[in-house]
Amino acid sequence: MLLTLSTSEAIQLVPGWGTLGLFLILNAVLFIAALVSIARNKTHATGGTVVWALIVLALPFLGSVLWFVIGRRESFGPHLRDQAN
């Protein structure tokens, strides 16, 4: 038995370009914002910056979210300890 869908039934299975387009635009904005934020960040050493950029490039959505959730936290290096004294 062969299952076939009519055109109207098949169209209902695919999200509209409005929803999909909005998701793609938001994903692109988040991706670009994460890369710009990584480039401007001064709390990580060069190696940390490169690693974060590679994570965001390899996993655009998840990497961007991870950057904004845990990557932007300031590290507790010597420069912060000196300011406390």
Protein backbone atom coordinates (compact mmCIF):
# COMPACT_ATOMS: atom_id res chain seq x y z
CA MET A 1 0.00 0.00 0.00
CA LEU A 2 1.35 3.38 -1.01
CA LEU A 3 0.61 6.40 1.15
CA THR A 4 0.21 9.69 -0.61
CA LEU A 5 -0.47 13.14 0.70
CA SER A 6 -2.37 15.79 -1.12
CA THR A 7 -0.69 19.14 -1.61
CA SER A 8 -2.77 20.82 1.09
CA GLU A 9 -1.88 18.09 3.60
CA ALA A 10 1.83 18.28 2.76
CA ILE A 11 1.90 22.08 3.15
CA GLN A 12 0.58 21.75 6.69
CA LEU A 13 3.60 19.60 7.63
CA VAL A 14 6.13 22.28 6.66
CA PRO A 15 6.37 25.37 8.87
CA GLY A 16 5.65 28.63 7.16
CA TRP A 17 8.51 30.87 6.08
CA GLY A 18 7.35 33.39 8.63
CA THR A 19 8.13 31.13 11.56
CA LEU A 20 11.17 29.52 10.00
CA GLY A 21 12.50 32.84 8.72
CA LEU A 22 12.12 34.46 12.12
CA PHE A 23 14.01 31.57 13.76
CA LEU A 24 16.81 31.80 11.18
CA ILE A 25 17.15 35.57 11.59
CA LEU A 26 17.22 35.33 15.41
CA ASN A 27 19.79 32.53 15.17
CA ALA A 28 21.99 34.62 12.86
CA VAL A 29 21.75 37.67 15.15
CA LEU A 30 22.64 35.55 18.20
CA PHE A 31 25.57 33.97 16.31
CA ILE A 32 27.00 37.32 15.18
CA ALA A 33 26.46 38.91 18.59
CA ALA A 34 28.32 36.03 20.25
CA LEU A 35 31.29 36.34 17.89
CA VAL A 36 31.47 40.12 18.39
CA SER A 37 31.20 39.68 22.16
CA ILE A 38 33.98 37.10 22.14
CA ALA A 39 36.22 39.37 20.09
CA ARG A 40 35.66 42.31 22.46
CA ASN A 41 36.03 40.28 25.66
CA LYS A 42 39.18 41.10 27.63
CA THR A 43 38.78 38.63 30.51
CA HIS A 44 39.97 35.55 28.61
CA ALA A 45 43.49 34.90 27.37
CA THR A 46 44.03 34.51 23.64
CA GLY A 47 43.71 30.73 23.90
CA GLY A 48 40.36 30.99 25.67
CA THR A 49 39.09 33.44 23.09
CA VAL A 50 40.05 31.10 20.25
CA VAL A 51 38.44 28.12 21.96
CA TRP A 52 35.18 30.01 22.50
CA ALA A 53 35.18 31.23 18.89
CA LEU A 54 35.67 27.65 17.67
CA ILE A 55 32.84 26.41 19.89
CA VAL A 56 30.49 29.07 18.51
CA LEU A 57 31.57 28.34 14.93
CA ALA A 58 31.15 24.57 15.37
CA LEU A 59 27.80 24.75 17.19
CA PRO A 60 26.22 28.06 16.15
CA PHE A 61 23.07 28.05 18.27
CA LEU A 62 24.24 26.02 21.27
CA GLY A 63 27.69 27.60 21.29
CA SER A 64 26.22 31.10 21.24
CA VAL A 65 23.86 30.33 24.09
CA LEU A 66 26.68 28.74 26.10
CA TRP A 67 28.86 31.81 25.55
CA PHE A 68 26.24 34.19 26.89
CA VAL A 69 25.35 31.89 29.81
CA ILE A 70 28.79 30.79 31.05
CA GLY A 71 31.49 32.24 28.82
CA ARG A 72 31.08 35.91 29.62
CA ARG A 73 31.58 35.40 33.36
CA GLU A 74 34.65 37.21 34.55
CA SER A 75 37.54 35.05 35.61
CA PHE A 76 39.03 35.63 39.03
CA GLY A 77 42.57 36.41 37.91
CA PRO A 78 45.25 38.51 39.56
CA HIS A 79 43.85 41.78 38.15
CA LEU A 80 40.63 41.34 40.14
CA ARG A 81 42.44 40.36 43.34
CA ASP A 82 44.67 43.45 43.09
CA GLN A 83 41.61 45.73 42.84
CA ALA A 84 40.15 44.26 46.04
CA ASN A 85 43.20 45.28 48.11
